Amino acid sequence: MLGKKLKMAGAILLSLGLLLTAGCSGAQKGPDKNGVYKIKFGSTGNNEHQYTVYGKYFKQKVEELTNGKVQVEIYPNNALGNER
């Protein structure tokens, strides 16, 4: 049981690290005026697709573990562009 939780925590931290480092765009960098960081999570699938479902779980855990200081915005259906 502990091993499974440890793996999940590691996966969440790895995903967060990748999103924070790879999420560089022309958008505002750093926290907003309230000290809240925003991450965009884009998915190629619809709301029921496994990527989007994982994104929703990721959003829930990140916001819970950071007490809302990091917020994740979910964009399904290639809303941010395709995989190229």
Protein backbone atom coordinates (compact mmCIF):
# COMPACT_ATOMS: atom_id res chain seq x y z
CA MET A 1 0.00 0.00 0.00
CA LEU A 2 2.77 2.42 0.93
CA GLY A 3 4.66 1.56 -2.25
CA LYS A 4 1.64 2.41 -4.38
CA LYS A 5 1.18 5.77 -2.64
CA LEU A 6 4.87 6.53 -2.97
CA LYS A 7 4.80 5.76 -6.70
CA MET A 8 1.71 7.96 -7.15
CA ALA A 9 3.34 10.85 -5.26
CA GLY A 10 6.48 10.45 -7.37
CA ALA A 11 4.44 10.46 -10.57
CA ILE A 12 2.58 13.60 -9.51
CA LEU A 13 5.79 15.41 -8.59
CA LEU A 14 7.46 14.35 -11.84
CA SER A 15 4.45 15.51 -13.87
CA LEU A 16 4.36 18.83 -12.03
CA GLY A 17 8.07 19.34 -12.62
CA LEU A 18 7.72 18.58 -16.31
CA LEU A 19 4.76 20.89 -16.68
CA LEU A 20 6.49 23.73 -14.87
CA THR A 21 9.66 23.45 -16.94
CA ALA A 22 8.09 22.62 -20.29
CA GLY A 23 5.19 25.03 -19.95
CA CYS A 24 7.18 28.06 -21.05
CA SER A 25 5.09 30.15 -23.40
CA GLY A 26 4.46 33.77 -24.19
CA ALA A 27 1.99 33.96 -21.31
CA GLN A 28 2.67 35.60 -17.99
CA LYS A 29 5.40 33.83 -16.10
CA GLY A 30 5.37 33.45 -12.34
CA PRO A 31 2.52 33.94 -9.93
CA ASP A 32 -0.34 36.37 -10.38
CA LYS A 33 -0.92 39.29 -8.00
CA ASN A 34 -2.39 36.88 -5.42
CA GLY A 35 0.65 34.58 -5.52
CA VAL A 36 -1.14 31.86 -7.49
CA TYR A 37 0.61 29.98 -10.30
CA LYS A 38 -1.51 28.75 -13.23
CA ILE A 39 -0.68 25.72 -15.35
CA LYS A 40 -2.43 24.85 -18.61
CA PHE A 41 -2.99 21.12 -19.15
CA GLY A 42 -3.84 20.39 -22.79
CA SER A 43 -5.31 17.10 -23.93
CA THR A 44 -6.01 15.68 -27.38
CA GLY A 45 -9.03 13.73 -26.15
CA ASN A 46 -12.53 14.67 -25.11
CA ASN A 47 -13.72 14.95 -21.49
CA GLU A 48 -13.92 11.16 -21.09
CA HIS A 49 -10.55 10.39 -22.69
CA GLN A 50 -7.87 8.88 -20.44
CA TYR A 51 -5.56 11.91 -20.87
CA THR A 52 -8.27 14.31 -19.76
CA VAL A 53 -9.34 12.05 -16.89
CA TYR A 54 -5.71 11.96 -15.70
CA GLY A 55 -5.52 15.74 -16.11
CA LYS A 56 -8.54 16.17 -13.84
CA TYR A 57 -6.95 13.89 -11.23
CA PHE A 58 -3.66 15.79 -11.58
CA LYS A 59 -5.52 19.11 -11.14
CA GLN A 60 -7.24 17.85 -8.00
CA LYS A 61 -4.02 16.57 -6.40
CA VAL A 62 -1.86 19.57 -7.33
CA GLU A 63 -4.39 22.08 -6.04
CA GLU A 64 -4.92 20.02 -2.88
CA LEU A 65 -1.19 19.58 -2.16
CA THR A 66 -0.37 23.25 -2.81
CA ASN A 67 -3.39 24.62 -0.92
CA GLY A 68 -4.59 26.32 -4.10
CA LYS A 69 -1.32 28.18 -4.76
CA VAL A 70 -0.95 26.24 -8.03
CA GLN A 71 -4.07 26.02 -10.19
CA VAL A 72 -4.40 23.75 -13.20
CA GLU A 73 -6.61 24.69 -16.15
CA ILE A 74 -7.79 21.71 -18.27
CA TYR A 75 -8.08 22.18 -22.05
CA PRO A 76 -9.48 19.03 -23.77
CA ASN A 77 -10.17 18.45 -27.49
CA ASN A 78 -6.94 20.01 -28.78
CA ALA A 79 -8.06 23.42 -27.48
CA LEU A 80 -4.40 24.48 -27.18
CA GLY A 81 -3.40 22.96 -30.50
CA ASN A 82 -2.55 19.51 -31.79
CA GLU A 83 0.41 17.27 -30.87
CA ARG A 84 2.84 18.83 -33.36
